[in-house]
Protein backbone atom coordinates (compact mmCIF):
# COMPACT_ATOMS: atom_id res chain seq x y z
CA MET A 1 -0.46 -0.21 0.10
CA ARG A 2 1.19 3.70 -0.73
CA ILE A 3 1.04 6.67 1.49
CA THR A 4 2.46 9.68 2.42
CA VAL A 5 3.83 10.76 5.26
CA GLU A 6 5.78 14.10 6.74
CA ILE A 7 8.45 12.69 8.66
CA GLU A 8 11.97 14.61 9.69
CA ASP A 9 14.71 14.48 7.98
CA SER A 10 16.75 13.70 11.05
CA LYS A 11 14.34 10.46 11.46
CA ILE A 12 13.91 9.34 7.87
CA GLU A 13 18.31 9.74 7.87
CA ALA A 14 18.21 7.65 11.46
CA ILE A 15 16.15 4.88 10.24
CA GLN A 16 18.36 4.98 6.85
CA LYS A 17 21.18 4.62 9.09
CA TRP A 18 20.13 2.10 11.63
CA THR A 19 18.63 -0.39 8.83
CA ASN A 20 21.77 0.08 6.20
CA GLU A 21 19.14 0.94 4.09
CA ARG A 22 20.37 4.10 1.34
CA LYS A 23 16.47 4.32 0.05
CA LYS A 24 13.79 5.48 2.10
CA SER A 25 11.29 2.80 1.53
CA PRO A 26 13.06 -0.20 1.99
CA ALA A 27 14.23 1.13 5.44
CA ILE A 28 10.68 2.70 6.79
CA ALA A 29 9.26 -0.50 5.85
CA GLN A 30 11.90 -2.33 7.63
CA ALA A 31 11.95 -0.12 10.70
CA LEU A 32 8.38 -0.91 10.57
CA ASP A 33 8.16 -4.78 10.87
CA GLU A 34 10.63 -4.74 13.79
CA PHE A 35 8.73 -2.26 16.18
CA ILE A 36 5.78 -4.46 14.91
CA GLU A 37 7.75 -7.57 15.95
CA GLN A 38 9.20 -6.10 19.67
CA ARG A 39 5.36 -4.95 20.38
CA ARG A 40 4.52 -8.48 20.08
CA ARG A 41 7.17 -9.70 21.73
CA GLN A 42 5.96 -6.79 24.75
CA GLU A 43 2.85 -8.11 24.81
CA PHE A 44 2.88 -11.97 24.66
CA LEU A 45 6.00 -11.39 27.64
CA ALA A 46 3.16 -9.13 29.26
CA LYS A 47 0.38 -12.12 29.12
CA VAL A 48 3.05 -14.20 30.32
CA MET A 49 3.62 -12.31 33.62
CA ALA A 50 1.02 -12.31 34.40
CA GLY A 51 -0.30 -15.67 33.94
CA LYS A 52 -2.26 -15.13 31.21
CA THR A 53 -1.15 -17.95 29.36
CA ASN A 54 -0.06 -21.68 29.62
CA TYR A 55 3.14 -20.71 28.12
CA ARG A 56 5.96 -22.79 30.43
CA THR A 57 9.15 -21.30 29.88
CA SER A 58 12.81 -21.11 32.58
CA ASN A 59 13.35 -17.77 33.89
CA ASN A 60 16.57 -17.46 31.73
CA GLU A 61 14.74 -18.08 28.78
CA LEU A 62 12.16 -15.39 30.12
CA GLU A 63 15.04 -13.10 30.19
CA SER A 64 16.19 -13.59 27.10
CA LEU A 65 13.52 -12.97 24.98
CA THR A 66 13.40 -8.81 26.84
CA ASP A 67 16.64 -8.38 25.82
CA LEU A 68 16.08 -4.91 23.90
CA SER A 69 19.14 -5.51 22.64
CA LYS A 70 18.30 -8.04 20.74
CA PRO A 71 16.56 -7.44 16.76
């Protein structure tokens, strides 16, 4: 889907740098994919921590999922 949005130049440059993409569209698409995946992980972990799932894992496995340094 094509959309038109206004994004500050500095933000576009940062996204291009972090994604190693020279073109804007692929850089933004990758950044959005990463953002969505991060939010999904956060929601899942919140459910696990609240006991709202039958997911069973060790503490070490759970802590590795919350490591924000990993993409």
